[in-house]
């Protein structure tokens, strides 16, 4: 495994992170989830990403049990707060102080740890003063329950505001977690330059575009059984790619991958890691072999000629409008 520093901080994370958005507590059985975590650990992955909302808190619990017995200091555990959890009361969502503090304590219990390495605002909350949110994060840092702070799917302007408050409060604000892939590049025009200026790294999710960039979805073919599209929880995001022009373009990437002696999934993960502002790519898995395959991307060096070929093949199907940043 290789490691990169997160922003300007002293925290190093693995170039491949393991995430459990649509798997733990929902799509796969717990024994299989534990097997995938074991595969991640065997592959050298030390960074594990989750969120309180995943499987309505069950994903955190599964991850906590899967990591039980591991040396805590050798792991980086990341979680998030914002989306509704619990019975849906008025304070069961958002970035108000009450929900942030209570959610952090609940996440720690489910994850069976005294602290999380990175606590992230899962979205921007327009209904709560940003000062209130950042002060709550600052207090969690002071209490030792959170080591670093990050955000997910924020715009460049929101990141700039958050960074300014973080400096005032002496909060280690170090990361942004967006969707990013060969097909979805909306962070490139504004968010990445802003993060470079403010000292934040990207921890990207869906580097294989919810499975589209594995090439398993074929134009005009039946949806593969057990695939992300067959799961209602994941179908919303993947539906945007289920167009013949996109699926045909992805098939044209196969010769590029074959010539390099790698899989399409490895090509996709290596592509996002090519960006120097990306500290880590989050992979998910329902089978251990998927982990072992994707981790090999860290050793793949894509030359400028390959990147040019990819851009040519995908011309016309790439989404790079910065106005869509928060829609990842």
C-alpha atoms as a PDB file:
ATOM      1  CA  UNK A   1       0.000   0.000   0.000  1.00  0.00           C
ATOM      2  CA  UNK A   2       1.032   3.590  -0.599  1.00  0.00           C
ATOM      3  CA  UNK A   3       0.054   6.568   1.518  1.00  0.00           C
ATOM      4  CA  UNK A   4      -0.569  10.261   0.950  1.00  0.00           C
ATOM      5  CA  UNK A   5      -0.843  13.164   3.357  1.00  0.00           C
ATOM      6  CA  UNK A   6      -4.298  14.624   3.856  1.00  0.00           C
ATOM      7  CA  UNK A   7      -4.153  18.270   2.885  1.00  0.00           C
ATOM      8  CA  UNK A   8      -1.455  20.174   4.742  1.00  0.00           C
ATOM      9  CA  UNK A   9      -1.962  18.032   7.835  1.00  0.00           C
ATOM     10  CA  UNK A  10       0.329  15.431   9.317  1.00  0.00           C
ATOM     11  CA  UNK A  11      -2.230  12.654   8.767  1.00  0.00           C
ATOM     12  CA  UNK A  12      -1.360  10.001   6.188  1.00  0.00           C
ATOM     13  CA  UNK A  13      -4.089   7.799   4.729  1.00  0.00           C
ATOM     14  CA  UNK A  14      -3.960   4.832   2.369  1.00  0.00           C
ATOM     15  CA  UNK A  15      -4.276   5.652  -1.330  1.00  0.00           C
ATOM     16  CA  UNK A  16      -7.158   3.181  -1.423  1.00  0.00           C
ATOM     17  CA  UNK A  17      -9.817   3.544   1.265  1.00  0.00           C
ATOM     18  CA  UNK A  18     -12.506   1.015   2.019  1.00  0.00           C
ATOM     19  CA  UNK A  19     -16.059   2.383   2.131  1.00  0.00           C
ATOM     20  CA  UNK A  20     -19.309   0.686   3.105  1.00  0.00           C
ATOM     21  CA  UNK A  21     -22.050   2.897   1.696  1.00  0.00           C
ATOM     22  CA  UNK A  22     -24.250   0.254   0.019  1.00  0.00           C
ATOM     23  CA  UNK A  23     -22.824  -2.928   1.448  1.00  0.00           C
ATOM     24  CA  UNK A  24     -22.536  -3.244   5.207  1.00  0.00           C
ATOM     25  CA  UNK A  25     -25.877  -3.579   6.921  1.00  0.00           C
ATOM     26  CA  UNK A  26     -27.821  -3.714   3.674  1.00  0.00           C
ATOM     27  CA  UNK A  27     -26.613  -5.306   0.428  1.00  0.00           C
ATOM     28  CA  UNK A  28     -24.421  -8.091   1.794  1.00  0.00           C
ATOM     29  CA  UNK A  29     -24.582 -10.360   4.817  1.00  0.00           C
ATOM     30  CA  UNK A  30     -22.425  -9.495   7.813  1.00  0.00           C
ATOM     31  CA  UNK A  31     -20.065 -12.453   7.372  1.00  0.00           C
ATOM     32  CA  UNK A  32     -19.367 -11.324   3.828  1.00  0.00           C
ATOM     33  CA  UNK A  33     -18.886  -7.731   4.987  1.00  0.00           C
ATOM     34  CA  UNK A  34     -16.328  -8.922   7.541  1.00  0.00           C
ATOM     35  CA  UNK A  35     -14.552 -10.909   4.819  1.00  0.00           C
ATOM     36  CA  UNK A  36     -14.282  -7.764   2.690  1.00  0.00           C
ATOM     37  CA  UNK A  37     -12.854  -5.765   5.604  1.00  0.00           C
ATOM     38  CA  UNK A  38     -10.350  -8.561   6.236  1.00  0.00           C
ATOM     39  CA  UNK A  39      -9.361  -8.437   2.564  1.00  0.00           C
ATOM     40  CA  UNK A  40      -8.887  -4.684   2.848  1.00  0.00           C
ATOM     41  CA  UNK A  41      -6.643  -5.086   5.879  1.00  0.00           C
ATOM     42  CA  UNK A  42      -4.651  -7.854   4.173  1.00  0.00           C
ATOM     43  CA  UNK A  43      -4.191  -5.531   1.183  1.00  0.00           C
ATOM     44  CA  UNK A  44      -2.668  -2.861   3.396  1.00  0.00           C
ATOM     45  CA  UNK A  45      -5.690  -0.567   3.504  1.00  0.00           C
ATOM     46  CA  UNK A  46      -5.742   1.361   6.766  1.00  0.00           C
ATOM     47  CA  UNK A  47      -8.443   3.943   5.952  1.00  0.00           C
ATOM     48  CA  UNK A  48     -12.111   3.036   6.417  1.00  0.00           C
ATOM     49  CA  UNK A  49     -14.926   5.391   5.451  1.00  0.00           C
ATOM     50  CA  UNK A  50     -18.529   5.190   6.609  1.00  0.00           C
ATOM     51  CA  UNK A  51     -21.416   7.459   7.703  1.00  0.00           C
ATOM     52  CA  UNK A  52     -24.158   7.399  10.293  1.00  0.00           C
ATOM     53  CA  UNK A  53     -26.845   7.396   7.587  1.00  0.00           C
ATOM     54  CA  UNK A  54     -25.544   4.311   5.779  1.00  0.00           C
ATOM     55  CA  UNK A  55     -28.120   1.565   6.302  1.00  0.00           C
ATOM     56  CA  UNK A  56     -29.645   3.914   8.907  1.00  0.00           C
ATOM     57  CA  UNK A  57     -26.657   3.554  11.295  1.00  0.00           C
ATOM     58  CA  UNK A  58     -26.227  -0.224  10.751  1.00  0.00           C
ATOM     59  CA  UNK A  59     -23.167   0.227   8.508  1.00  0.00           C
ATOM     60  CA  UNK A  60     -21.192   1.882  11.297  1.00  0.00           C
ATOM     61  CA  UNK A  61     -22.081  -0.963  13.656  1.00  0.00           C
ATOM     62  CA  UNK A  62     -20.986  -3.622  11.170  1.00  0.00           C
ATOM     63  CA  UNK A  63     -17.699  -1.812  10.548  1.00  0.00           C
ATOM     64  CA  UNK A  64     -17.099  -1.468  14.279  1.00  0.00           C
ATOM     65  CA  UNK A  65     -17.540  -5.192  14.758  1.00  0.00           C
ATOM     66  CA  UNK A  66     -15.409  -6.015  11.700  1.00  0.00           C
ATOM     67  CA  UNK A  67     -12.500  -3.921  13.008  1.00  0.00           C
ATOM     68  CA  UNK A  68     -12.748  -5.198  16.578  1.00  0.00           C
ATOM     69  CA  UNK A  69      -9.377  -6.451  17.778  1.00  0.00           C
ATOM     70  CA  UNK A  70      -7.356  -4.424  15.288  1.00  0.00           C
ATOM     71  CA  UNK A  71      -4.757  -1.993  16.629  1.00  0.00           C
ATOM     72  CA  UNK A  72      -6.674   1.300  16.714  1.00  0.00           C
ATOM     73  CA  UNK A  73      -3.572   3.435  16.180  1.00  0.00           C
ATOM     74  CA  UNK A  74      -2.929   1.640  12.873  1.00  0.00           C
ATOM     75  CA  UNK A  75      -6.296   2.638  11.424  1.00  0.00           C
ATOM     76  CA  UNK A  76      -7.893   5.818  10.128  1.00  0.00           C
ATOM     77  CA  UNK A  77     -11.659   5.699  10.703  1.00  0.00           C
ATOM     78  CA  UNK A  78     -13.779   8.260   8.884  1.00  0.00           C
ATOM     79  CA  UNK A  79     -17.470   8.957   9.351  1.00  0.00           C
ATOM     80  CA  UNK A  80     -19.994  11.679   8.515  1.00  0.00           C
ATOM     81  CA  UNK A  81     -23.002  13.596   9.813  1.00  0.00           C
ATOM     82  CA  UNK A  82     -25.912  15.420   8.179  1.00  0.00           C
ATOM     83  CA  UNK A  83     -28.554  13.127   6.732  1.00  0.00           C
ATOM     84  CA  UNK A  84     -31.534  11.963   8.836  1.00  0.00           C
ATOM     85  CA  UNK A  85     -31.012   9.185  11.364  1.00  0.00           C
ATOM     86  CA  UNK A  86     -33.282   7.812  14.060  1.00  0.00           C
ATOM     87  CA  UNK A  87     -37.079   8.227  13.997  1.00  0.00           C
ATOM     88  CA  UNK A  88     -36.939  11.466  11.988  1.00  0.00           C
ATOM     89  CA  UNK A  89     -37.528  14.101  14.634  1.00  0.00           C
ATOM     90  CA  UNK A  90     -36.786  17.786  13.989  1.00  0.00           C
ATOM     91  CA  UNK A  91     -33.246  17.481  15.380  1.00  0.00           C
ATOM     92  CA  UNK A  92     -32.448  14.111  13.817  1.00  0.00           C
ATOM     93  CA  UNK A  93     -30.757  15.663  10.799  1.00  0.00           C
ATOM     94  CA  UNK A  94     -28.610  18.559   9.647  1.00  0.00           C
ATOM     95  CA  UNK A  95     -25.582  20.344  11.048  1.00  0.00           C
ATOM     96  CA  UNK A  96     -27.077  22.052  14.071  1.00  0.00           C
ATOM     97  CA  UNK A  97     -25.052  21.722  17.258  1.00  0.00           C
ATOM     98  CA  UNK A  98     -27.469  19.312  18.932  1.00  0.00           C
ATOM     99  CA  UNK A  99     -27.490  16.856  16.031  1.00  0.00           C
ATOM    100  CA  UNK A 100     -23.742  17.105  15.410  1.00  0.00           C
ATOM    101  CA  UNK A 101     -22.790  16.450  19.042  1.00  0.00           C
ATOM    102  CA  UNK A 102     -25.312  13.667  19.581  1.00  0.00           C
ATOM    103  CA  UNK A 103     -24.483  12.032  16.242  1.00  0.00           C
ATOM    104  CA  UNK A 104     -20.766  12.064  16.977  1.00  0.00           C
ATOM    105  CA  UNK A 105     -21.268  10.334  20.320  1.00  0.00           C
ATOM    106  CA  UNK A 106     -23.601   7.757  18.758  1.00  0.00           C
ATOM    107  CA  UNK A 107     -21.129   7.056  15.934  1.00  0.00           C
ATOM    108  CA  UNK A 108     -18.329   6.459  18.422  1.00  0.00           C
ATOM    109  CA  UNK A 109     -20.438   3.869  20.241  1.00  0.00           C
ATOM    110  CA  UNK A 110     -21.366   2.068  17.033  1.00  0.00           C
ATOM    111  CA  UNK A 111     -17.778   2.114  15.781  1.00  0.00           C
ATOM    112  CA  UNK A 112     -16.504   0.946  19.187  1.00  0.00           C
ATOM    113  CA  UNK A 113     -13.837   3.628  19.365  1.00  0.00           C
ATOM    114  CA  UNK A 114     -13.018   6.630  21.538  1.00  0.00           C
ATOM    115  CA  UNK A 115     -12.355   8.898  18.562  1.00  0.00           C
ATOM    116  CA  UNK A 116     -12.658   9.151  14.798  1.00  0.00           C
ATOM    117  CA  UNK A 117      -9.729  10.317  12.725  1.00  0.00           C
ATOM    118  CA  UNK A 118     -11.890  12.386  10.380  1.00  0.00           C
ATOM    119  CA  UNK A 119     -15.420  13.707  10.980  1.00  0.00           C
ATOM    120  CA  UNK A 120     -17.112  15.046   7.874  1.00  0.00           C
ATOM    121  CA  UNK A 121     -20.108  17.243   7.157  1.00  0.00           C
ATOM    122  CA  UNK A 122     -21.939  15.000   4.704  1.00  0.00           C
ATOM    123  CA  UNK A 123     -23.493  17.976   2.886  1.00  0.00           C
ATOM    124  CA  UNK A 124     -23.748  21.731   3.402  1.00  0.00           C
ATOM    125  CA  UNK A 125     -26.646  22.760   5.665  1.00  0.00           C
ATOM    126  CA  UNK A 126     -28.295  25.936   4.388  1.00  0.00           C
ATOM    127  CA  UNK A 127     -30.651  26.045   7.391  1.00  0.00           C
ATOM    128  CA  UNK A 128     -27.948  26.368  10.068  1.00  0.00           C
ATOM    129  CA  UNK A 129     -25.335  29.123  10.499  1.00  0.00           C
ATOM    130  CA  UNK A 130     -21.993  27.763   9.382  1.00  0.00           C
ATOM    131  CA  UNK A 131     -20.460  29.299  12.513  1.00  0.00           C
ATOM    132  CA  UNK A 132     -22.597  27.000  14.677  1.00  0.00           C
ATOM    133  CA  UNK A 133     -21.531  23.909  12.763  1.00  0.00           C
ATOM    134  CA  UNK A 134     -17.840  24.740  12.804  1.00  0.00           C
ATOM    135  CA  UNK A 135     -17.934  25.563  16.515  1.00  0.00           C
ATOM    136  CA  UNK A 136     -19.523  22.167  17.211  1.00  0.00           C
ATOM    137  CA  UNK A 137     -16.759  20.505  15.189  1.00  0.00           C
ATOM    138  CA  UNK A 138     -14.170  22.559  17.057  1.00  0.00           C
ATOM    139  CA  UNK A 139     -15.564  21.414  20.401  1.00  0.00           C
ATOM    140  CA  UNK A 140     -15.425  17.770  19.304  1.00  0.00           C
ATOM    141  CA  UNK A 141     -11.781  18.287  18.374  1.00  0.00           C
ATOM    142  CA  UNK A 142     -11.066  19.883  21.767  1.00  0.00           C
ATOM    143  CA  UNK A 143     -12.766  16.948  23.489  1.00  0.00           C
ATOM    144  CA  UNK A 144     -10.500  14.503  21.650  1.00  0.00           C
ATOM    145  CA  UNK A 145     -13.419  12.748  19.964  1.00  0.00           C
ATOM    146  CA  UNK A 146     -12.421  13.994  16.501  1.00  0.00           C
ATOM    147  CA  UNK A 147      -8.866  14.473  15.235  1.00  0.00           C
ATOM    148  CA  UNK A 148      -9.528  16.180  11.898  1.00  0.00           C
ATOM    149  CA  UNK A 149     -12.518  17.749  10.144  1.00  0.00           C
ATOM    150  CA  UNK A 150     -13.683  17.449   6.549  1.00  0.00           C
ATOM    151  CA  UNK A 151     -16.709  17.981   4.334  1.00  0.00           C
ATOM    152  CA  UNK A 152     -18.439  16.178   1.494  1.00  0.00           C
ATOM    153  CA  UNK A 153     -19.928  17.576  -1.714  1.00  0.00           C
ATOM    154  CA  UNK A 154     -19.452  21.241  -0.852  1.00  0.00           C
ATOM    155  CA  UNK A 155     -19.032  23.949  -3.461  1.00  0.00           C
ATOM    156  CA  UNK A 156     -15.850  25.990  -3.804  1.00  0.00           C
ATOM    157  CA  UNK A 157     -17.508  28.966  -2.117  1.00  0.00           C
ATOM    158  CA  UNK A 158     -18.710  26.853   0.812  1.00  0.00           C
ATOM    159  CA  UNK A 159     -15.262  25.314   1.263  1.00  0.00           C
ATOM    160  CA  UNK A 160     -13.716  28.792   1.301  1.00  0.00           C
ATOM    161  CA  UNK A 161     -16.130  29.927   4.023  1.00  0.00           C
ATOM    162  CA  UNK A 162     -15.544  26.784   6.056  1.00  0.00           C
ATOM    163  CA  UNK A 163     -11.773  27.128   5.789  1.00  0.00           C
ATOM    164  CA  UNK A 164     -11.890  30.734   7.012  1.00  0.00           C
ATOM    165  CA  UNK A 165     -13.899  29.736  10.100  1.00  0.00           C
ATOM    166  CA  UNK A 166     -11.644  26.736  10.704  1.00  0.00           C
ATOM    167  CA  UNK A 167      -8.633  29.051  10.837  1.00  0.00           C
ATOM    168  CA  UNK A 168     -10.397  31.311  13.335  1.00  0.00           C
ATOM    169  CA  UNK A 169     -11.283  28.353  15.528  1.00  0.00           C
ATOM    170  CA  UNK A 170      -7.946  26.544  15.059  1.00  0.00           C
ATOM    171  CA  UNK A 171      -9.706  23.503  13.626  1.00  0.00           C
ATOM    172  CA  UNK A 172      -7.707  21.094  11.425  1.00  0.00           C
ATOM    173  CA  UNK A 173      -9.916  21.319   8.301  1.00  0.00           C
ATOM    174  CA  UNK A 174      -8.189  18.954   5.879  1.00  0.00           C
ATOM    175  CA  UNK A 175     -10.430  17.224   3.347  1.00  0.00           C
ATOM    176  CA  UNK A 176     -13.314  17.203   0.900  1.00  0.00           C
ATOM    177  CA  UNK A 177     -15.122  14.023  -0.150  1.00  0.00           C
ATOM    178  CA  UNK A 178     -16.714  14.316  -3.597  1.00  0.00           C
ATOM    179  CA  UNK A 179     -17.795  11.945  -6.315  1.00  0.00           C
ATOM    180  CA  UNK A 180     -15.038  11.854  -8.929  1.00  0.00           C
ATOM    181  CA  UNK A 181     -14.384   9.624 -11.899  1.00  0.00           C
ATOM    182  CA  UNK A 182     -13.456   9.683 -15.577  1.00  0.00           C
ATOM    183  CA  UNK A 183     -17.129  10.424 -16.269  1.00  0.00           C
ATOM    184  CA  UNK A 184     -17.888  12.835 -13.407  1.00  0.00           C
ATOM    185  CA  UNK A 185     -15.318  15.651 -13.235  1.00  0.00           C
ATOM    186  CA  UNK A 186     -17.331  18.534 -11.827  1.00  0.00           C
ATOM    187  CA  UNK A 187     -14.780  19.246  -9.072  1.00  0.00           C
ATOM    188  CA  UNK A 188     -11.965  20.006 -11.500  1.00  0.00           C
ATOM    189  CA  UNK A 189     -12.790  23.601 -12.550  1.00  0.00           C
ATOM    190  CA  UNK A 190     -13.391  25.185  -9.116  1.00  0.00           C
ATOM    191  CA  UNK A 191     -13.337  22.805  -6.149  1.00  0.00           C
ATOM    192  CA  UNK A 192      -9.872  21.345  -6.652  1.00  0.00           C
ATOM    193  CA  UNK A 193      -8.159  24.744  -7.133  1.00  0.00           C
ATOM    194  CA  UNK A 194      -9.952  26.015  -4.013  1.00  0.00           C
ATOM    195  CA  UNK A 195      -8.899  22.977  -1.986  1.00  0.00           C
ATOM    196  CA  UNK A 196      -5.310  23.329  -3.151  1.00  0.00           C
ATOM    197  CA  UNK A 197      -5.347  26.940  -1.984  1.00  0.00           C
ATOM    198  CA  UNK A 198      -6.969  26.121   1.370  1.00  0.00           C
ATOM    199  CA  UNK A 199      -4.846  23.044   2.093  1.00  0.00           C
ATOM    200  CA  UNK A 200      -7.477  20.319   1.614  1.00  0.00           C
ATOM    201  CA  UNK A 201      -7.190  16.992  -0.207  1.00  0.00           C
ATOM    202  CA  UNK A 202      -9.888  15.044  -1.991  1.00  0.00           C
ATOM    203  CA  UNK A 203     -11.019  11.650  -0.687  1.00  0.00           C
ATOM    204  CA  UNK A 204     -13.084  10.582  -3.677  1.00  0.00           C
ATOM    205  CA  UNK A 205     -15.990   8.182  -3.851  1.00  0.00           C
ATOM    206  CA  UNK A 206     -17.387   6.248  -6.814  1.00  0.00           C
ATOM    207  CA  UNK A 207     -14.136   6.199  -8.835  1.00  0.00           C
ATOM    208  CA  UNK A 208     -15.705   3.499 -11.014  1.00  0.00           C
ATOM    209  CA  UNK A 209     -18.954   5.498 -11.384  1.00  0.00           C
ATOM    210  CA  UNK A 210     -21.069   3.090  -9.354  1.00  0.00           C
ATOM    211  CA  UNK A 211     -19.787   0.179 -11.440  1.00  0.00           C
ATOM    212  CA  UNK A 212     -20.341   1.704 -14.877  1.00  0.00           C
ATOM    213  CA  UNK A 213     -16.588   1.941 -15.499  1.00  0.00           C
ATOM    214  CA  UNK A 214     -16.115  -1.788 -14.882  1.00  0.00           C
ATOM    215  CA  UNK A 215     -17.762  -2.387 -18.254  1.00  0.00           C
ATOM    216  CA  UNK A 216     -20.322  -4.838 -16.889  1.00  0.00           C
ATOM    217  CA  UNK A 217     -23.308  -2.821 -18.118  1.00  0.00           C
ATOM    218  CA  UNK A 218     -23.768  -3.346 -21.845  1.00  0.00           C
ATOM    219  CA  UNK A 219     -25.913  -1.268 -24.231  1.00  0.00           C
ATOM    220  CA  UNK A 220     -29.295  -2.894 -24.712  1.00  0.00           C
ATOM    221  CA  UNK A 221     -28.493  -5.799 -22.376  1.00  0.00           C
ATOM    222  CA  UNK A 222     -30.268  -6.981 -19.250  1.00  0.00           C
ATOM    223  CA  UNK A 223     -29.073  -5.527 -15.938  1.00  0.00           C
ATOM    224  CA  UNK A 224     -26.693  -8.026 -14.280  1.00  0.00           C
ATOM    225  CA  UNK A 225     -28.276  -9.787 -11.316  1.00  0.00           C
ATOM    226  CA  UNK A 226     -27.046  -8.470  -7.983  1.00  0.00           C
ATOM    227  CA  UNK A 227     -25.592  -5.322  -9.552  1.00  0.00           C
ATOM    228  CA  UNK A 228     -25.831  -1.806  -8.133  1.00  0.00           C
ATOM    229  CA  UNK A 229     -28.586  -0.913 -10.607  1.00  0.00           C
ATOM    230  CA  UNK A 230     -30.663  -3.825  -9.367  1.00  0.00           C
ATOM    231  CA  UNK A 231     -30.543  -2.339  -5.850  1.00  0.00           C
ATOM    232  CA  UNK A 232     -33.002   0.522  -5.290  1.00  0.00           C
ATOM    233  CA  UNK A 233     -30.600   2.151  -2.845  1.00  0.00           C
ATOM    234  CA  UNK A 234     -27.946   2.622  -5.500  1.00  0.00           C
ATOM    235  CA  UNK A 235     -29.998   2.907  -8.666  1.00  0.00           C
ATOM    236  CA  UNK A 236     -30.680   6.637  -8.364  1.00  0.00           C
ATOM    237  CA  UNK A 237     -27.072   7.675  -8.860  1.00  0.00           C
ATOM    238  CA  UNK A 238     -26.201   5.090 -11.468  1.00  0.00           C
ATOM    239  CA  UNK A 239     -29.262   5.783 -13.621  1.00  0.00           C
ATOM    240  CA  UNK A 240     -27.631   8.922 -15.040  1.00  0.00           C
ATOM    241  CA  UNK A 241     -25.056   6.739 -16.790  1.00  0.00           C
ATOM    242  CA  UNK A 242     -27.448   4.164 -18.241  1.00  0.00           C
ATOM    243  CA  UNK A 243     -27.430   5.693 -21.701  1.00  0.00           C
ATOM    244  CA  UNK A 244     -26.212   4.003 -24.850  1.00  0.00           C
ATOM    245  CA  UNK A 245     -23.709   6.773 -25.613  1.00  0.00           C
ATOM    246  CA  UNK A 246     -22.084   6.355 -22.183  1.00  0.00           C
ATOM    247  CA  UNK A 247     -22.153   2.554 -22.205  1.00  0.00           C
ATOM    248  CA  UNK A 248     -20.729   2.397 -25.729  1.00  0.00           C
ATOM    249  CA  UNK A 249     -17.937   4.803 -24.785  1.00  0.00           C
ATOM    250  CA  UNK A 250     -17.035   2.700 -21.751  1.00  0.00           C
ATOM    251  CA  UNK A 251     -16.766  -0.387 -23.946  1.00  0.00           C
ATOM    252  CA  UNK A 252     -14.265   1.520 -26.089  1.00  0.00           C
ATOM    253  CA  UNK A 253     -12.050   1.895 -23.016  1.00  0.00           C
ATOM    254  CA  UNK A 254     -11.483  -1.867 -22.928  1.00  0.00           C
ATOM    255  CA  UNK A 255      -8.692  -1.905 -25.544  1.00  0.00           C
ATOM    256  CA  UNK A 256      -6.866   0.817 -23.575  1.00  0.00           C
ATOM    257  CA  UNK A 257      -7.026  -1.262 -20.408  1.00  0.00           C
ATOM    258  CA  UNK A 258      -6.101  -4.461 -22.227  1.00  0.00           C
ATOM    259  CA  UNK A 259      -3.060  -2.849 -23.818  1.00  0.00           C
ATOM    260  CA  UNK A 260      -1.916  -1.776 -20.343  1.00  0.00           C
ATOM    261  CA  UNK A 261      -2.563  -5.288 -19.005  1.00  0.00           C
ATOM    262  CA  UNK A 262      -5.116  -4.125 -16.432  1.00  0.00           C
ATOM    263  CA  UNK A 263      -8.868  -4.289 -15.832  1.00  0.00           C
ATOM    264  CA  UNK A 264     -11.275  -1.451 -16.535  1.00  0.00           C
ATOM    265  CA  UNK A 265     -11.838  -1.022 -12.792  1.00  0.00           C
ATOM    266  CA  UNK A 266      -8.096  -0.698 -12.185  1.00  0.00           C
ATOM    267  CA  UNK A 267      -7.869   1.822 -15.023  1.00  0.00           C
ATOM    268  CA  UNK A 268     -10.655   3.891 -13.455  1.00  0.00           C
ATOM    269  CA  UNK A 269      -9.120   3.897  -9.967  1.00  0.00           C
ATOM    270  CA  UNK A 270      -5.637   4.652 -11.311  1.00  0.00           C
ATOM    271  CA  UNK A 271      -7.117   7.568 -13.281  1.00  0.00           C
ATOM    272  CA  UNK A 272      -8.441   9.346 -10.168  1.00  0.00           C
ATOM    273  CA  UNK A 273      -5.206   8.706  -8.261  1.00  0.00           C
ATOM    274  CA  UNK A 274      -3.339  10.447 -11.073  1.00  0.00           C
ATOM    275  CA  UNK A 275      -4.693  13.744  -9.728  1.00  0.00           C
ATOM    276  CA  UNK A 276      -2.208  15.073  -7.139  1.00  0.00           C
ATOM    277  CA  UNK A 277      -5.002  16.660  -5.063  1.00  0.00           C
ATOM    278  CA  UNK A 278      -6.588  13.223  -4.543  1.00  0.00           C
ATOM    279  CA  UNK A 279      -5.294  11.637  -1.346  1.00  0.00           C
ATOM    280  CA  UNK A 280      -7.375   8.479  -1.557  1.00  0.00           C
ATOM    281  CA  UNK A 281      -9.967   6.683  -3.680  1.00  0.00           C
ATOM    282  CA  UNK A 282     -12.781   4.962  -1.811  1.00  0.00           C
ATOM    283  CA  UNK A 283     -13.698   1.515  -3.056  1.00  0.00           C
ATOM    284  CA  UNK A 284     -16.661  -0.585  -2.006  1.00  0.00           C
ATOM    285  CA  UNK A 285     -16.969  -4.326  -2.307  1.00  0.00           C
ATOM    286  CA  UNK A 286     -19.449  -7.112  -1.901  1.00  0.00           C
ATOM    287  CA  UNK A 287     -16.750  -9.767  -2.439  1.00  0.00           C
ATOM    288  CA  UNK A 288     -13.140  -9.903  -1.168  1.00  0.00           C
ATOM    289  CA  UNK A 289     -11.747 -10.454  -4.667  1.00  0.00           C
ATOM    290  CA  UNK A 290     -13.041  -7.032  -5.684  1.00  0.00           C
ATOM    291  CA  UNK A 291     -10.857  -5.481  -2.991  1.00  0.00           C
ATOM    292  CA  UNK A 292      -7.764  -7.378  -4.094  1.00  0.00           C
ATOM    293  CA  UNK A 293      -8.354  -6.379  -7.728  1.00  0.00           C
ATOM    294  CA  UNK A 294      -8.908  -2.668  -7.126  1.00  0.00           C
ATOM    295  CA  UNK A 295      -5.964  -2.267  -4.753  1.00  0.00           C
ATOM    296  CA  UNK A 296      -3.602  -3.132  -7.611  1.00  0.00           C
ATOM    297  CA  UNK A 297      -4.397   0.290  -9.085  1.00  0.00           C
ATOM    298  CA  UNK A 298      -1.839   1.924  -6.778  1.00  0.00           C
ATOM    299  CA  UNK A 299       0.992   0.457  -8.843  1.00  0.00           C
ATOM    300  CA  UNK A 300      -0.376   1.610 -12.194  1.00  0.00           C
ATOM    301  CA  UNK A 301       1.223   4.635 -13.813  1.00  0.00           C
ATOM    302  CA  UNK A 302      -0.878   6.143 -16.592  1.00  0.00           C
ATOM    303  CA  UNK A 303       1.137   8.053 -19.149  1.00  0.00           C
ATOM    304  CA  UNK A 304      -0.020  11.218 -20.868  1.00  0.00           C
ATOM    305  CA  UNK A 305      -0.738   9.231 -24.035  1.00  0.00           C
ATOM    306  CA  UNK A 306      -3.151   6.970 -22.136  1.00  0.00           C
ATOM    307  CA  UNK A 307      -4.884   9.942 -20.527  1.00  0.00           C
ATOM    308  CA  UNK A 308      -5.291  11.519 -23.968  1.00  0.00           C
ATOM    309  CA  UNK A 309      -6.797   8.306 -25.332  1.00  0.00           C
ATOM    310  CA  UNK A 310      -9.260   8.159 -22.430  1.00  0.00           C
ATOM    311  CA  UNK A 311     -10.368  11.756 -22.982  1.00  0.00           C
ATOM    312  CA  UNK A 312     -10.838  11.124 -26.696  1.00  0.00           C
ATOM    313  CA  UNK A 313     -12.950   8.014 -26.120  1.00  0.00           C
ATOM    314  CA  UNK A 314     -15.125   9.731 -23.488  1.00  0.00           C
ATOM    315  CA  UNK A 315     -15.508  13.016 -25.341  1.00  0.00           C
ATOM    316  CA  UNK A 316     -19.163  14.028 -25.253  1.00  0.00           C
ATOM    317  CA  UNK A 317     -20.126  11.922 -22.212  1.00  0.00           C
ATOM    318  CA  UNK A 318     -17.985  13.603 -19.536  1.00  0.00           C
ATOM    319  CA  UNK A 319     -19.824  15.766 -16.989  1.00  0.00           C
ATOM    320  CA  UNK A 320     -17.661  18.668 -15.802  1.00  0.00           C
ATOM    321  CA  UNK A 321     -20.116  21.487 -15.029  1.00  0.00           C
ATOM    322  CA  UNK A 322     -19.056  22.926 -11.622  1.00  0.00           C
ATOM    323  CA  UNK A 323     -22.666  23.929 -10.944  1.00  0.00           C
ATOM    324  CA  UNK A 324     -23.407  20.228 -10.425  1.00  0.00           C
ATOM    325  CA  UNK A 325     -20.828  19.861  -7.623  1.00  0.00           C
ATOM    326  CA  UNK A 326     -23.328  19.374  -4.810  1.00  0.00           C
ATOM    327  CA  UNK A 327     -25.381  16.885  -6.853  1.00  0.00           C
ATOM    328  CA  UNK A 328     -22.836  14.093  -6.581  1.00  0.00           C
END
